[in-house]
Amino acid sequence: MQRMSDSEKKIMEYIWTAGHPVTTSEIIKNLPEAAEWKQNTVITFLTRLIRKKILKATRIGKANQYEPCITEQEYRNFEIKQFIKDVHKGSILGFISSLCDNGDITLEDIESLMKRFKK
């Protein structure tokens, strides 16, 4: 899997939220950012998402229906792993230490994590 651009993420967020296969025209009609994009631009983003194996297309009549190959949570998990790999050299401890050092993690967060580890 590959990372998505910000524009690709906006399209995928719409598709995940829709909960059903969507067409290019639905995306353009319902996504505020798409109003600024030409139809070919949206199709280019959709083609990139297909190449990245994040989206699949099924031809129905004259239009393609687009639906996700992965869930939003699966993509989030991928992004988190990539972030930890890229920024913290793959060290989860380094990531958590950074949160602690910056005061971004609370005692309640730590307690919640501890309960989760004990399961």
C-alpha atoms as a PDB file:
ATOM      1  CA  MET A   1       0.000   0.000   0.000  1.00  0.00           C
ATOM      2  CA  GLN A   2       1.105   3.554  -0.653  1.00  0.00           C
ATOM      3  CA  ARG A   3       0.273   6.824   1.057  1.00  0.00           C
ATOM      4  CA  MET A   4      -2.481   9.009  -0.334  1.00  0.00           C
ATOM      5  CA  SER A   5      -2.161  12.667  -1.219  1.00  0.00           C
ATOM      6  CA  ASP A   6      -4.405  15.135   0.633  1.00  0.00           C
ATOM      7  CA  SER A   7      -6.749  15.332  -2.368  1.00  0.00           C
ATOM      8  CA  GLU A   8      -6.943  11.544  -2.628  1.00  0.00           C
ATOM      9  CA  LYS A   9      -7.742  11.378   1.105  1.00  0.00           C
ATOM     10  CA  LYS A  10     -10.636  13.803   0.666  1.00  0.00           C
ATOM     11  CA  ILE A  11     -12.079  11.617  -2.067  1.00  0.00           C
ATOM     12  CA  MET A  12     -11.632   8.462  -0.011  1.00  0.00           C
ATOM     13  CA  GLU A  13     -13.190  10.066   3.077  1.00  0.00           C
ATOM     14  CA  TYR A  14     -16.277  10.785   0.981  1.00  0.00           C
ATOM     15  CA  ILE A  15     -16.351   7.219  -0.405  1.00  0.00           C
ATOM     16  CA  TRP A  16     -15.888   5.654   3.055  1.00  0.00           C
ATOM     17  CA  THR A  17     -18.651   7.855   4.466  1.00  0.00           C
ATOM     18  CA  ALA A  18     -21.011   7.114   1.559  1.00  0.00           C
ATOM     19  CA  GLY A  19     -20.955   3.421   2.473  1.00  0.00           C
ATOM     20  CA  HIS A  20     -21.887   2.335  -1.060  1.00  0.00           C
ATOM     21  CA  PRO A  21     -20.242   2.386  -4.502  1.00  0.00           C
ATOM     22  CA  VAL A  22     -20.159   5.909  -5.959  1.00  0.00           C
ATOM     23  CA  THR A  23     -19.706   7.422  -9.409  1.00  0.00           C
ATOM     24  CA  THR A  24     -17.440  10.263 -10.482  1.00  0.00           C
ATOM     25  CA  SER A  25     -20.431  12.588 -10.808  1.00  0.00           C
ATOM     26  CA  GLU A  26     -21.551  11.770  -7.228  1.00  0.00           C
ATOM     27  CA  ILE A  27     -18.094  12.659  -5.961  1.00  0.00           C
ATOM     28  CA  ILE A  28     -18.071  15.945  -7.851  1.00  0.00           C
ATOM     29  CA  LYS A  29     -21.602  16.794  -6.681  1.00  0.00           C
ATOM     30  CA  ASN A  30     -21.063  15.935  -2.996  1.00  0.00           C
ATOM     31  CA  LEU A  31     -17.442  16.824  -2.300  1.00  0.00           C
ATOM     32  CA  PRO A  32     -16.985  20.597  -1.826  1.00  0.00           C
ATOM     33  CA  GLU A  33     -13.349  20.517  -2.974  1.00  0.00           C
ATOM     34  CA  ALA A  34     -14.324  18.675  -6.152  1.00  0.00           C
ATOM     35  CA  ALA A  35     -16.299  21.718  -7.301  1.00  0.00           C
ATOM     36  CA  GLU A  36     -12.937  23.380  -7.949  1.00  0.00           C
ATOM     37  CA  TRP A  37     -11.609  20.330  -9.822  1.00  0.00           C
ATOM     38  CA  LYS A  38     -12.369  19.432 -13.405  1.00  0.00           C
ATOM     39  CA  GLN A  39     -13.840  15.992 -14.049  1.00  0.00           C
ATOM     40  CA  ASN A  40     -10.514  14.806 -15.510  1.00  0.00           C
ATOM     41  CA  THR A  41      -8.757  15.822 -12.278  1.00  0.00           C
ATOM     42  CA  VAL A  42     -11.158  13.708 -10.201  1.00  0.00           C
ATOM     43  CA  ILE A  43     -10.697  10.785 -12.608  1.00  0.00           C
ATOM     44  CA  THR A  44      -6.908  11.140 -12.280  1.00  0.00           C
ATOM     45  CA  PHE A  45      -7.173  10.940  -8.463  1.00  0.00           C
ATOM     46  CA  LEU A  46      -9.462   7.903  -8.759  1.00  0.00           C
ATOM     47  CA  THR A  47      -7.019   6.203 -11.156  1.00  0.00           C
ATOM     48  CA  ARG A  48      -4.149   6.796  -8.721  1.00  0.00           C
ATOM     49  CA  LEU A  49      -6.201   5.319  -5.860  1.00  0.00           C
ATOM     50  CA  ILE A  50      -6.887   2.235  -7.988  1.00  0.00           C
ATOM     51  CA  ARG A  51      -3.169   1.861  -8.770  1.00  0.00           C
ATOM     52  CA  LYS A  52      -2.424   2.111  -5.048  1.00  0.00           C
ATOM     53  CA  LYS A  53      -4.950  -0.729  -4.454  1.00  0.00           C
ATOM     54  CA  ILE A  54      -7.033   1.492  -2.167  1.00  0.00           C
ATOM     55  CA  LEU A  55      -9.998   1.687  -4.517  1.00  0.00           C
ATOM     56  CA  LYS A  56     -11.607  -0.547  -7.127  1.00  0.00           C
ATOM     57  CA  ALA A  57     -13.834   0.314 -10.061  1.00  0.00           C
ATOM     58  CA  THR A  58     -16.667  -1.646 -11.612  1.00  0.00           C
ATOM     59  CA  ARG A  59     -18.121  -0.581 -14.946  1.00  0.00           C
ATOM     60  CA  ILE A  60     -21.920  -0.395 -14.819  1.00  0.00           C
ATOM     61  CA  GLY A  61     -23.450   0.923 -18.018  1.00  0.00           C
ATOM     62  CA  LYS A  62     -21.567   4.045 -19.051  1.00  0.00           C
ATOM     63  CA  ALA A  63     -20.207   4.888 -15.588  1.00  0.00           C
ATOM     64  CA  ASN A  64     -17.661   3.424 -13.223  1.00  0.00           C
ATOM     65  CA  GLN A  65     -18.780   2.644  -9.683  1.00  0.00           C
ATOM     66  CA  TYR A  66     -15.966   3.131  -7.176  1.00  0.00           C
ATOM     67  CA  GLU A  67     -15.702   1.329  -3.855  1.00  0.00           C
ATOM     68  CA  PRO A  68     -12.910   0.953  -1.302  1.00  0.00           C
ATOM     69  CA  CYS A  69     -10.607  -2.056  -1.153  1.00  0.00           C
ATOM     70  CA  ILE A  70      -9.670  -1.185   2.431  1.00  0.00           C
ATOM     71  CA  THR A  71     -11.465   0.354   5.377  1.00  0.00           C
ATOM     72  CA  GLU A  72     -10.686   3.774   6.756  1.00  0.00           C
ATOM     73  CA  GLN A  73      -9.297   2.109   9.903  1.00  0.00           C
ATOM     74  CA  GLU A  74      -6.981  -0.106   7.856  1.00  0.00           C
ATOM     75  CA  TYR A  75      -5.615   2.979   6.126  1.00  0.00           C
ATOM     76  CA  ARG A  76      -5.182   4.809   9.448  1.00  0.00           C
ATOM     77  CA  ASN A  77      -3.253   1.828  10.816  1.00  0.00           C
ATOM     78  CA  PHE A  78      -1.009   1.901   7.732  1.00  0.00           C
ATOM     79  CA  GLU A  79      -0.356   5.658   8.163  1.00  0.00           C
ATOM     80  CA  ILE A  80       0.483   5.218  11.855  1.00  0.00           C
ATOM     81  CA  LYS A  81       2.954   2.405  11.103  1.00  0.00           C
ATOM     82  CA  GLN A  82       4.557   4.499   8.354  1.00  0.00           C
ATOM     83  CA  PHE A  83       4.814   7.530  10.634  1.00  0.00           C
ATOM     84  CA  ILE A  84       6.479   5.513  13.388  1.00  0.00           C
ATOM     85  CA  LYS A  85       8.815   3.915  10.839  1.00  0.00           C
ATOM     86  CA  ASP A  86       9.722   7.218   9.162  1.00  0.00           C
ATOM     87  CA  VAL A  87       9.903   9.567  12.166  1.00  0.00           C
ATOM     88  CA  HIS A  88      10.798   7.267  15.042  1.00  0.00           C
ATOM     89  CA  LYS A  89      12.892   4.688  13.130  1.00  0.00           C
ATOM     90  CA  GLY A  90      10.242   2.043  13.795  1.00  0.00           C
ATOM     91  CA  SER A  91      10.399   2.467  17.563  1.00  0.00           C
ATOM     92  CA  ILE A  92       7.015   2.523  19.280  1.00  0.00           C
ATOM     93  CA  LEU A  93       8.828   3.275  22.530  1.00  0.00           C
ATOM     94  CA  GLY A  94      10.423   6.300  20.862  1.00  0.00           C
ATOM     95  CA  PHE A  95       6.999   7.470  19.707  1.00  0.00           C
ATOM     96  CA  ILE A  96       5.436   7.090  23.167  1.00  0.00           C
ATOM     97  CA  SER A  97       8.477   8.706  24.817  1.00  0.00           C
ATOM     98  CA  SER A  98       8.067  11.684  22.503  1.00  0.00           C
ATOM     99  CA  LEU A  99       4.399  12.003  23.529  1.00  0.00           C
ATOM    100  CA  CYS A 100       5.408  11.857  27.207  1.00  0.00           C
ATOM    101  CA  ASP A 101       8.250  14.360  26.795  1.00  0.00           C
ATOM    102  CA  ASN A 102       5.938  16.862  25.096  1.00  0.00           C
ATOM    103  CA  GLY A 103       3.117  16.429  27.595  1.00  0.00           C
ATOM    104  CA  ASP A 104       0.819  15.130  24.867  1.00  0.00           C
ATOM    105  CA  ILE A 105      -0.105  11.991  26.804  1.00  0.00           C
ATOM    106  CA  THR A 106      -1.995  12.098  30.083  1.00  0.00           C
ATOM    107  CA  LEU A 107      -1.865   9.817  33.090  1.00  0.00           C
ATOM    108  CA  GLU A 108      -5.355   8.632  32.107  1.00  0.00           C
ATOM    109  CA  ASP A 109      -4.045   7.732  28.645  1.00  0.00           C
ATOM    110  CA  ILE A 110      -1.229   5.708  30.216  1.00  0.00           C
ATOM    111  CA  GLU A 111      -3.655   3.943  32.574  1.00  0.00           C
ATOM    112  CA  SER A 112      -5.906   3.120  29.646  1.00  0.00           C
ATOM    113  CA  LEU A 113      -2.949   1.712  27.720  1.00  0.00           C
ATOM    114  CA  MET A 114      -1.891  -0.379  30.712  1.00  0.00           C
ATOM    115  CA  LYS A 115      -5.391  -1.879  30.979  1.00  0.00           C
ATOM    116  CA  ARG A 116      -5.261  -2.697  27.293  1.00  0.00           C
ATOM    117  CA  PHE A 117      -1.866  -4.403  27.630  1.00  0.00           C
ATOM    118  CA  LYS A 118      -3.196  -6.573  30.453  1.00  0.00           C
ATOM    119  CA  LYS A 119      -5.982  -8.024  28.279  1.00  0.00           C
END
